[in-house]
Protein backbone atom coordinates (compact mmCIF):
# COMPACT_ATOMS: atom_id res chain seq x y z
CA UNK A 1 -30.81 50.66 -50.78
CA UNK A 2 -27.44 51.80 -51.20
CA UNK A 3 -27.51 55.11 -54.59
CA UNK A 4 -24.27 55.00 -56.66
CA UNK A 5 -23.21 57.95 -55.68
CA UNK A 6 -23.05 56.72 -52.32
CA UNK A 7 -21.21 53.76 -53.32
CA UNK A 8 -18.68 55.82 -55.32
CA UNK A 9 -18.31 57.88 -52.15
CA UNK A 10 -17.16 54.53 -50.65
CA UNK A 11 -15.34 53.50 -52.69
CA UNK A 12 -13.42 57.06 -53.14
CA UNK A 13 -13.05 58.20 -49.25
CA UNK A 14 -12.43 54.75 -47.78
CA UNK A 15 -9.27 54.56 -45.35
CA UNK A 16 -8.27 51.43 -46.76
CA UNK A 17 -7.04 50.71 -50.25
CA UNK A 18 -9.34 49.07 -52.80
CA UNK A 19 -8.40 48.14 -56.45
CA UNK A 20 -10.16 46.35 -59.05
CA UNK A 21 -8.08 43.86 -61.28
CA UNK A 22 -10.20 41.80 -64.14
CA UNK A 23 -9.53 38.48 -65.43
CA UNK A 24 -6.18 39.22 -66.66
CA UNK A 25 -4.69 40.60 -63.66
CA UNK A 26 -4.78 44.13 -64.67
CA UNK A 27 -6.26 46.59 -62.15
CA UNK A 28 -8.92 48.49 -63.62
CA UNK A 29 -10.08 50.76 -60.50
CA UNK A 30 -8.39 52.41 -57.84
CA UNK A 31 -8.92 54.67 -54.62
CA UNK A 32 -6.99 57.08 -53.94
CA UNK A 33 -5.72 55.55 -50.74
CA UNK A 34 -4.38 52.67 -52.43
CA UNK A 35 -2.97 55.20 -54.48
CA UNK A 36 -1.28 56.64 -51.36
CA UNK A 37 -0.57 53.61 -49.70
CA UNK A 38 1.49 52.44 -53.26
CA UNK A 39 3.16 55.80 -53.28
CA UNK A 40 1.36 56.63 -57.14
CA UNK A 41 0.09 59.24 -58.72
CA UNK A 42 -3.96 59.46 -59.42
CA UNK A 43 -4.68 56.48 -62.64
CA UNK A 44 -0.74 56.16 -63.04
CA UNK A 45 -1.72 52.61 -61.96
CA UNK A 46 -4.45 51.90 -64.97
CA UNK A 47 -3.71 49.19 -67.45
CA UNK A 48 -0.52 47.89 -64.98
CA UNK A 49 -0.40 44.35 -64.17
CA UNK A 50 -1.34 43.75 -60.03
CA UNK A 51 2.13 41.96 -60.00
CA UNK A 52 3.71 45.41 -60.17
CA UNK A 53 2.42 46.11 -56.22
CA UNK A 54 4.50 42.79 -55.09
CA UNK A 55 8.08 42.26 -54.45
CA UNK A 56 10.14 40.99 -57.62
CA UNK A 57 11.33 38.08 -56.10
CA UNK A 58 7.15 36.98 -55.42
CA UNK A 59 5.55 38.13 -58.91
CA UNK A 60 5.96 35.20 -60.55
CA UNK A 61 4.68 33.09 -58.12
CA UNK A 62 2.15 35.53 -58.09
CA UNK A 63 1.25 35.64 -61.34
CA UNK A 64 0.57 31.55 -60.86
CA UNK A 65 -1.76 31.91 -58.02
CA UNK A 66 -3.62 34.39 -59.65
CA UNK A 67 -4.58 32.50 -62.97
CA UNK A 68 -5.30 29.65 -60.13
CA UNK A 69 -7.89 32.04 -58.26
CA UNK A 70 -9.25 33.07 -61.33
CA UNK A 71 -9.89 29.67 -62.31
CA UNK A 72 -11.55 29.27 -58.93
CA UNK A 73 -12.86 32.99 -57.09
CA UNK A 74 -13.73 33.18 -53.98
CA UNK A 75 -14.09 35.44 -50.84
CA UNK A 76 -11.12 34.91 -48.71
CA UNK A 77 -9.11 37.39 -46.37
CA UNK A 78 -5.04 36.81 -46.96
CA UNK A 79 -2.05 37.45 -44.49
CA UNK A 80 -3.77 36.26 -41.27
CA UNK A 81 -0.92 33.27 -41.24
CA UNK A 82 1.14 34.32 -43.48
CA UNK A 83 3.88 37.18 -44.41
CA UNK A 84 2.10 39.20 -47.07
CA UNK A 85 4.28 42.40 -48.61
CA UNK A 86 3.29 45.42 -51.19
CA UNK A 87 5.71 47.11 -53.19
CA UNK A 88 5.78 50.87 -53.52
CA UNK A 89 6.70 52.67 -56.79
CA UNK A 90 9.98 53.68 -54.51
CA UNK A 91 10.87 50.28 -54.15
CA UNK A 92 10.17 50.20 -50.47
CA UNK A 93 8.31 46.95 -49.43
CA UNK A 94 5.63 47.51 -46.46
CA UNK A 95 3.82 44.56 -44.40
CA UNK A 96 -0.11 44.22 -45.83
CA UNK A 97 -3.08 42.34 -45.39
CA UNK A 98 -5.45 41.45 -48.18
CA UNK A 99 -9.56 40.77 -48.55
CA UNK A 100 -10.18 39.85 -51.89
CA UNK A 101 -13.91 39.50 -53.06
CA UNK A 102 -14.72 38.43 -56.42
CA UNK A 103 -17.65 39.56 -58.61
CA UNK A 104 -19.34 38.95 -62.36
CA UNK A 105 -20.32 41.85 -64.73
CA UNK A 106 -21.27 42.12 -68.48
CA UNK A 107 -17.56 43.28 -69.04
CA UNK A 108 -16.41 39.79 -67.06
CA UNK A 109 -15.16 38.82 -64.42
CA UNK A 110 -13.23 40.98 -61.25
CA UNK A 111 -11.71 40.79 -58.41
CA UNK A 112 -12.31 44.03 -55.52
CA UNK A 113 -9.26 43.80 -53.50
CA UNK A 114 -9.41 45.74 -49.95
CA UNK A 115 -5.96 46.01 -48.82
CA UNK A 116 -4.23 47.35 -45.02
CA UNK A 117 -1.09 48.38 -44.30
CA UNK A 118 -0.04 46.68 -41.44
CA UNK A 119 3.23 48.26 -40.25
CA UNK A 120 2.57 49.44 -37.07
CA UNK A 121 0.87 46.20 -36.13
CA UNK A 122 3.44 44.26 -37.14
CA UNK A 123 6.24 46.80 -35.22
CA UNK A 124 4.08 46.07 -32.03
CA UNK A 125 3.95 42.33 -32.10
CA UNK A 126 8.23 42.43 -32.92
CA UNK A 127 8.43 44.72 -29.72
CA UNK A 128 5.79 42.46 -27.48
CA UNK A 129 8.13 39.22 -29.01
CA UNK A 130 11.09 41.54 -28.17
CA UNK A 131 9.54 41.99 -25.10
CA UNK A 132 8.60 38.34 -24.44
CA UNK A 133 12.22 36.49 -25.53
CA UNK A 134 13.88 39.56 -22.98
CA UNK A 135 12.03 38.10 -20.09
CA UNK A 136 12.39 34.23 -20.83
CA UNK A 137 16.22 35.72 -21.10
CA UNK A 138 16.15 36.88 -17.47
CA UNK A 139 14.25 33.62 -15.95
CA UNK A 140 16.61 31.62 -18.26
CA UNK A 141 19.68 33.76 -16.84
CA UNK A 142 18.51 33.83 -12.79
CA UNK A 143 17.70 30.03 -13.24
CA UNK A 144 21.03 29.05 -14.57
CA UNK A 145 22.59 31.20 -11.90
CA UNK A 146 21.17 29.12 -9.17
CA UNK A 147 21.82 25.93 -10.87
CA UNK A 148 25.44 26.93 -11.23
CA UNK A 149 25.10 27.97 -7.40
CA UNK A 150 24.25 24.73 -6.48
CA UNK A 151 26.65 22.47 -9.24
CA UNK A 152 29.20 24.37 -7.68
CA UNK A 153 28.40 23.40 -4.37
CA UNK A 154 27.83 20.14 -5.65
CA UNK A 155 31.66 20.47 -6.93
CA UNK A 156 32.99 22.08 -3.46
CA UNK A 157 34.21 18.58 -2.60
CA UNK A 158 35.21 17.03 -5.55
CA UNK A 159 37.39 20.25 -6.24
CA UNK A 160 39.08 19.86 -3.07
CA UNK A 161 39.73 16.12 -3.80
CA UNK A 162 41.40 17.47 -7.67
CA UNK A 163 43.49 20.16 -5.81
CA UNK A 164 45.03 17.64 -3.37
CA UNK A 165 46.10 15.04 -6.33
CA UNK A 166 47.11 17.82 -8.23
CA UNK A 167 49.04 18.96 -5.33
CA UNK A 168 50.50 15.69 -5.34
CA UNK A 169 51.75 15.63 -9.08
CA UNK A 170 53.41 18.77 -8.82
CA UNK A 171 55.23 18.01 -6.12
CA UNK A 172 56.37 14.65 -7.91
CA UNK A 173 56.86 17.03 -11.04
CA UNK A 174 58.98 18.98 -9.02
CA UNK A 175 61.49 16.09 -8.07
CA UNK A 176 61.74 14.94 -11.25
CA UNK A 177 62.69 18.65 -12.98
CA UNK A 178 64.74 19.18 -9.79
CA UNK A 179 66.51 15.75 -10.80
CA UNK A 180 66.89 16.07 -14.44
CA UNK A 181 67.49 19.74 -14.46
CA UNK A 182 71.01 19.40 -12.14
CA UNK A 183 71.59 16.47 -14.43
CA UNK A 184 70.87 18.05 -18.06
CA UNK A 185 72.44 21.81 -16.82
CA UNK A 186 75.64 20.00 -15.32
CA UNK A 187 76.44 18.71 -18.55
CA UNK A 188 76.77 21.63 -21.14
CA UNK A 189 77.96 23.45 -18.33
CA UNK A 190 81.05 20.87 -17.95
CA UNK A 191 81.67 21.38 -21.13
CA UNK A 192 81.66 25.19 -21.55
CA UNK A 193 84.43 25.42 -18.82
CA UNK A 194 86.94 22.38 -19.84
CA UNK A 195 87.02 24.19 -23.91
CA UNK A 196 87.16 27.53 -22.48
CA UNK A 197 90.32 26.15 -20.18
CA UNK A 198 91.55 24.32 -23.54
CA UNK A 199 90.97 27.60 -26.15
CA UNK A 200 93.14 29.90 -23.55
CA UNK A 201 95.57 26.51 -23.90
CA UNK A 202 95.26 26.64 -27.71
CA UNK A 203 95.40 30.17 -28.01
CA UNK A 204 98.75 30.29 -26.17
CA UNK A 205 100.08 27.87 -28.67
CA UNK A 206 98.23 29.33 -31.92
CA UNK A 207 96.40 26.22 -32.41
CA UNK A 208 93.64 27.38 -34.66
CA UNK A 209 92.20 23.72 -35.64
CA UNK A 210 91.82 23.11 -31.93
CA UNK A 211 90.57 26.34 -30.89
CA UNK A 212 87.66 26.15 -33.42
CA UNK A 213 86.89 22.95 -32.39
CA UNK A 214 86.41 23.82 -28.56
CA UNK A 215 84.57 26.86 -29.71
CA UNK A 216 81.88 24.96 -31.49
CA UNK A 217 81.73 22.70 -28.65
CA UNK A 218 81.14 25.82 -26.24
CA UNK A 219 78.34 26.62 -28.97
CA UNK A 220 76.51 23.32 -28.96
CA UNK A 221 76.28 23.34 -25.47
CA UNK A 222 74.92 26.96 -25.42
CA UNK A 223 72.81 25.99 -27.68
CA UNK A 224 71.35 22.93 -25.82
CA UNK A 225 71.45 24.98 -22.55
CA UNK A 226 68.87 27.50 -24.39
CA UNK A 227 66.54 24.82 -25.61
CA UNK A 228 66.63 23.36 -22.08
CA UNK A 229 65.52 26.51 -20.94
CA UNK A 230 63.04 27.30 -23.70
CA UNK A 231 61.38 23.89 -22.75
CA UNK A 232 61.01 25.18 -19.15
CA UNK A 233 59.70 28.53 -20.21
CA UNK A 234 57.65 26.75 -23.03
CA UNK A 235 56.11 24.28 -19.98
CA UNK A 236 55.09 27.28 -17.55
CA UNK A 237 53.86 29.80 -20.03
CA UNK A 238 51.33 26.58 -21.32
CA UNK A 239 50.32 25.80 -17.66
CA UNK A 240 49.38 29.62 -16.56
CA UNK A 241 47.75 29.73 -19.53
CA UNK A 242 49.54 32.79 -21.47
CA UNK A 243 49.71 30.36 -24.76
CA UNK A 244 47.38 31.30 -27.11
CA UNK A 245 46.09 30.30 -30.81
CA UNK A 246 46.18 33.00 -33.32
CA UNK A 247 46.01 31.76 -37.14
CA UNK A 248 46.71 34.13 -39.57
CA UNK A 249 47.66 34.19 -43.34
CA UNK A 250 50.82 32.63 -44.24
CA UNK A 251 53.22 31.53 -46.92
CA UNK A 252 53.83 27.97 -45.51
CA UNK A 253 56.64 26.95 -48.08
CA UNK A 254 58.37 30.34 -47.76
CA UNK A 255 58.15 29.71 -44.11
CA UNK A 256 59.58 25.86 -43.85
CA UNK A 257 62.71 27.53 -46.15
CA UNK A 258 63.33 30.04 -43.58
CA UNK A 259 62.78 27.49 -40.72
CA UNK A 260 65.44 25.07 -42.43
CA UNK A 261 67.63 27.24 -43.16
CA UNK A 262 68.00 28.06 -39.80
CA UNK A 263 68.29 24.87 -38.19
CA UNK A 264 71.54 23.62 -40.49
CA UNK A 265 73.80 25.07 -38.09
CA UNK A 266 72.81 21.98 -35.46
CA UNK A 267 73.45 19.40 -39.03
CA UNK A 268 75.86 17.01 -37.72
CA UNK A 269 78.97 16.10 -40.29
CA UNK A 270 77.15 15.30 -43.69
CA UNK A 271 73.72 15.37 -42.25
CA UNK A 272 71.20 16.73 -45.10
CA UNK A 273 67.84 18.47 -44.74
CA UNK A 274 65.56 17.73 -48.21
CA UNK A 275 62.49 19.72 -48.39
CA UNK A 276 59.75 18.87 -50.96
CA UNK A 277 56.68 20.72 -51.18
CA UNK A 278 53.20 20.55 -53.15
CA UNK A 279 49.99 22.47 -53.28
CA UNK A 280 48.73 25.93 -52.59
CA UNK A 281 51.64 28.03 -50.75
CA UNK A 282 49.02 30.39 -49.09
CA UNK A 283 47.62 28.92 -45.56
CA UNK A 284 45.92 30.25 -42.39
CA UNK A 285 48.03 29.13 -38.84
CA UNK A 286 49.55 30.32 -36.22
CA UNK A 287 53.48 31.18 -37.18
CA UNK A 288 54.45 31.41 -33.65
CA UNK A 289 53.29 27.77 -32.61
CA UNK A 290 54.38 26.20 -36.00
CA UNK A 291 57.72 27.70 -35.91
CA UNK A 292 58.07 25.56 -32.60
CA UNK A 293 56.41 22.53 -33.46
CA UNK A 294 58.58 22.79 -36.86
CA UNK A 295 61.88 23.67 -35.02
CA UNK A 296 61.33 21.04 -32.36
CA UNK A 297 60.71 17.79 -34.71
CA UNK A 298 63.43 19.15 -36.96
CA UNK A 299 66.48 19.40 -34.36
CA UNK A 300 65.30 16.01 -33.03
CA UNK A 301 65.35 14.37 -36.45
CA UNK A 302 68.82 15.76 -36.37
CA UNK A 303 70.07 15.29 -33.30
CA UNK A 304 68.84 11.54 -33.19
CA UNK A 305 70.22 10.79 -36.42
CA UNK A 306 73.58 9.58 -37.65
CA UNK A 307 76.17 11.58 -39.43
CA UNK A 308 75.69 11.32 -43.51
CA UNK A 309 71.97 10.85 -43.02
CA UNK A 310 69.30 12.42 -44.74
CA UNK A 311 66.25 14.04 -42.80
CA UNK A 312 63.12 14.69 -45.55
CA UNK A 313 60.48 17.29 -44.72
CA UNK A 314 57.40 16.99 -47.45
CA UNK A 315 54.29 18.70 -47.25
CA UNK A 316 51.18 18.71 -49.06
CA UNK A 317 48.12 21.03 -49.21
CA UNK A 318 44.94 19.12 -50.53
CA UNK A 319 41.33 19.74 -50.49
CA UNK A 320 41.55 21.99 -47.27
CA UNK A 321 44.12 19.65 -45.78
CA UNK A 322 47.69 20.53 -44.74
CA UNK A 323 49.96 17.62 -44.23
CA UNK A 324 53.75 17.96 -43.06
CA UNK A 325 55.66 15.20 -42.82
CA UNK A 326 59.24 14.76 -41.12
CA UNK A 327 61.28 11.74 -41.53
CA UNK A 328 64.41 10.51 -40.48
CA UNK A 329 66.44 7.31 -40.45
CA UNK A 330 68.01 7.61 -36.85
CA UNK A 331 67.18 5.52 -33.87
CA UNK A 332 64.10 5.16 -33.85
CA UNK A 333 61.33 4.26 -31.29
CA UNK A 334 60.25 0.96 -29.45
CA UNK A 335 56.85 -0.51 -28.99
CA UNK A 336 57.25 -0.22 -25.51
CA UNK A 337 58.59 2.92 -25.13
CA UNK A 338 55.83 4.49 -28.31
CA UNK A 339 52.90 4.57 -25.83
CA UNK A 340 54.65 7.20 -23.73
CA UNK A 341 56.17 9.22 -26.12
CA UNK A 342 54.09 12.05 -25.44
CA UNK A 343 54.08 12.50 -21.83
CA UNK A 344 56.13 14.78 -19.63
CA UNK A 345 59.77 14.05 -19.10
CA UNK A 346 59.77 10.87 -20.60
CA UNK A 347 62.75 9.90 -22.81
CA UNK A 348 63.24 6.35 -24.75
CA UNK A 349 65.57 3.61 -23.07
CA UNK A 350 67.79 4.40 -26.73
CA UNK A 351 67.55 8.06 -25.90
CA UNK A 352 69.10 8.31 -22.18
CA UNK A 353 72.75 9.25 -23.61
CA UNK A 354 71.77 12.00 -25.65
CA UNK A 355 71.00 15.83 -24.32
CA UNK A 356 67.33 16.40 -24.20
CA UNK A 357 64.67 17.09 -21.07
CA UNK A 358 62.02 15.31 -21.96
CA UNK A 359 59.43 18.11 -23.07
CA UNK A 360 59.66 18.79 -26.58
CA UNK A 361 57.32 16.24 -27.64
CA UNK A 362 54.85 17.03 -25.00
CA UNK A 363 55.02 20.52 -25.92
CA UNK A 364 54.72 19.99 -29.61
CA UNK A 365 51.25 17.52 -28.87
CA UNK A 366 49.87 20.54 -26.60
CA UNK A 367 50.59 23.48 -29.15
CA UNK A 368 49.36 20.72 -32.09
CA UNK A 369 46.08 20.47 -29.97
CA UNK A 370 45.79 23.97 -29.42
CA UNK A 371 46.05 24.51 -33.30
CA UNK A 372 42.83 22.57 -33.67
CA UNK A 373 45.65 19.96 -35.85
CA UNK A 374 46.58 16.26 -35.21
CA UNK A 375 50.05 14.81 -35.01
CA UNK A 376 50.94 11.18 -35.37
CA UNK A 377 54.20 9.10 -36.43
CA UNK A 378 55.89 5.80 -37.50
CA UNK A 379 58.55 4.15 -36.28
CA UNK A 380 60.95 1.35 -35.32
CA UNK A 381 63.63 0.85 -33.09
CA UNK A 382 67.09 1.52 -36.00
CA UNK A 383 64.80 1.89 -38.26
CA UNK A 384 63.67 6.03 -38.15
CA UNK A 385 60.85 7.80 -37.09
CA UNK A 386 58.24 9.71 -40.00
CA UNK A 387 56.17 12.67 -37.54
CA UNK A 388 52.89 13.81 -39.71
CA UNK A 389 50.97 17.25 -39.09
CA UNK A 390 47.49 17.41 -40.37
CA UNK A 391 45.73 20.84 -39.77
CA UNK A 392 42.34 21.56 -41.32
CA UNK A 393 42.11 24.88 -43.54
């Protein structure tokens, strides 16, 4: 039979932490190992609730668990299948395992708790998991490499076929480009040469009015040439993958105001741009891509609308959505042309007499898609067109 002295020695010198809790959840005895484990001095924990050793996020629930356990005390181990944590005096949390053994004494019901710090074991388990995950990752990578090699071999034939089809398409595009470019460049260049000759003539006669008229024609022709070159450059950059979306904070109201001020120089006689803005002014969009989109749509609205007409620009920012509308009262788009509107080099049957490359709206659609937005339109011939841009915030 173990003597009282031997039992006391076991309690005091056990390497496990041991503490005794009464029915009220108060610590009535605690051995040195448990005090060292939780970072307390001798007898500092006596009389305190057991919840002082439990992280604050769990202590409230633990009180309920403790009351339930005291109602039906039984020997049990804790921590085998769940992660238990203890709270040291300095606030540090650490993983542990606990075994509970209830007993009854003349002074009431008590529970002995045997506590083990399993930090080293948990670290070893984490290393083992990491090692296993790394092995699994390597196996997956090697399997993926093999699968990719097989897929690449299988797709070679299809790639060759697609390359030939792409080459044929590019050849057709080049032919259309040469035909279109020769026509579009010839017209403004002829105008420039003719107007320069007339400017010289009127200069000799000191005819300021006619001089100014032909200078404006030269300016318009140069703008048209610049527009054509910009369209060609945009298509080239897009095909080469040099166009990227870089969203950044932007004051949208001020930004659109500046674009409208810049483009007013393209207004025909009596034309006006009306701007209405509703909602927050701060958005996150790519300023360069958006400028190209809005400038193209606004210049088209002015170009295809008559003198003394109005172009309306409306921006609404609501519930995380940016909605911009550009409405004109111009020549409109026929029903049969609408399905081809965003195709390269396409020009509506009623717009062939107006300067243009047929590339602008194709570029706009690509830029809007790159910005994760959506572009739609409503139009009827001779009744105008409304383009709507929608971006999520």
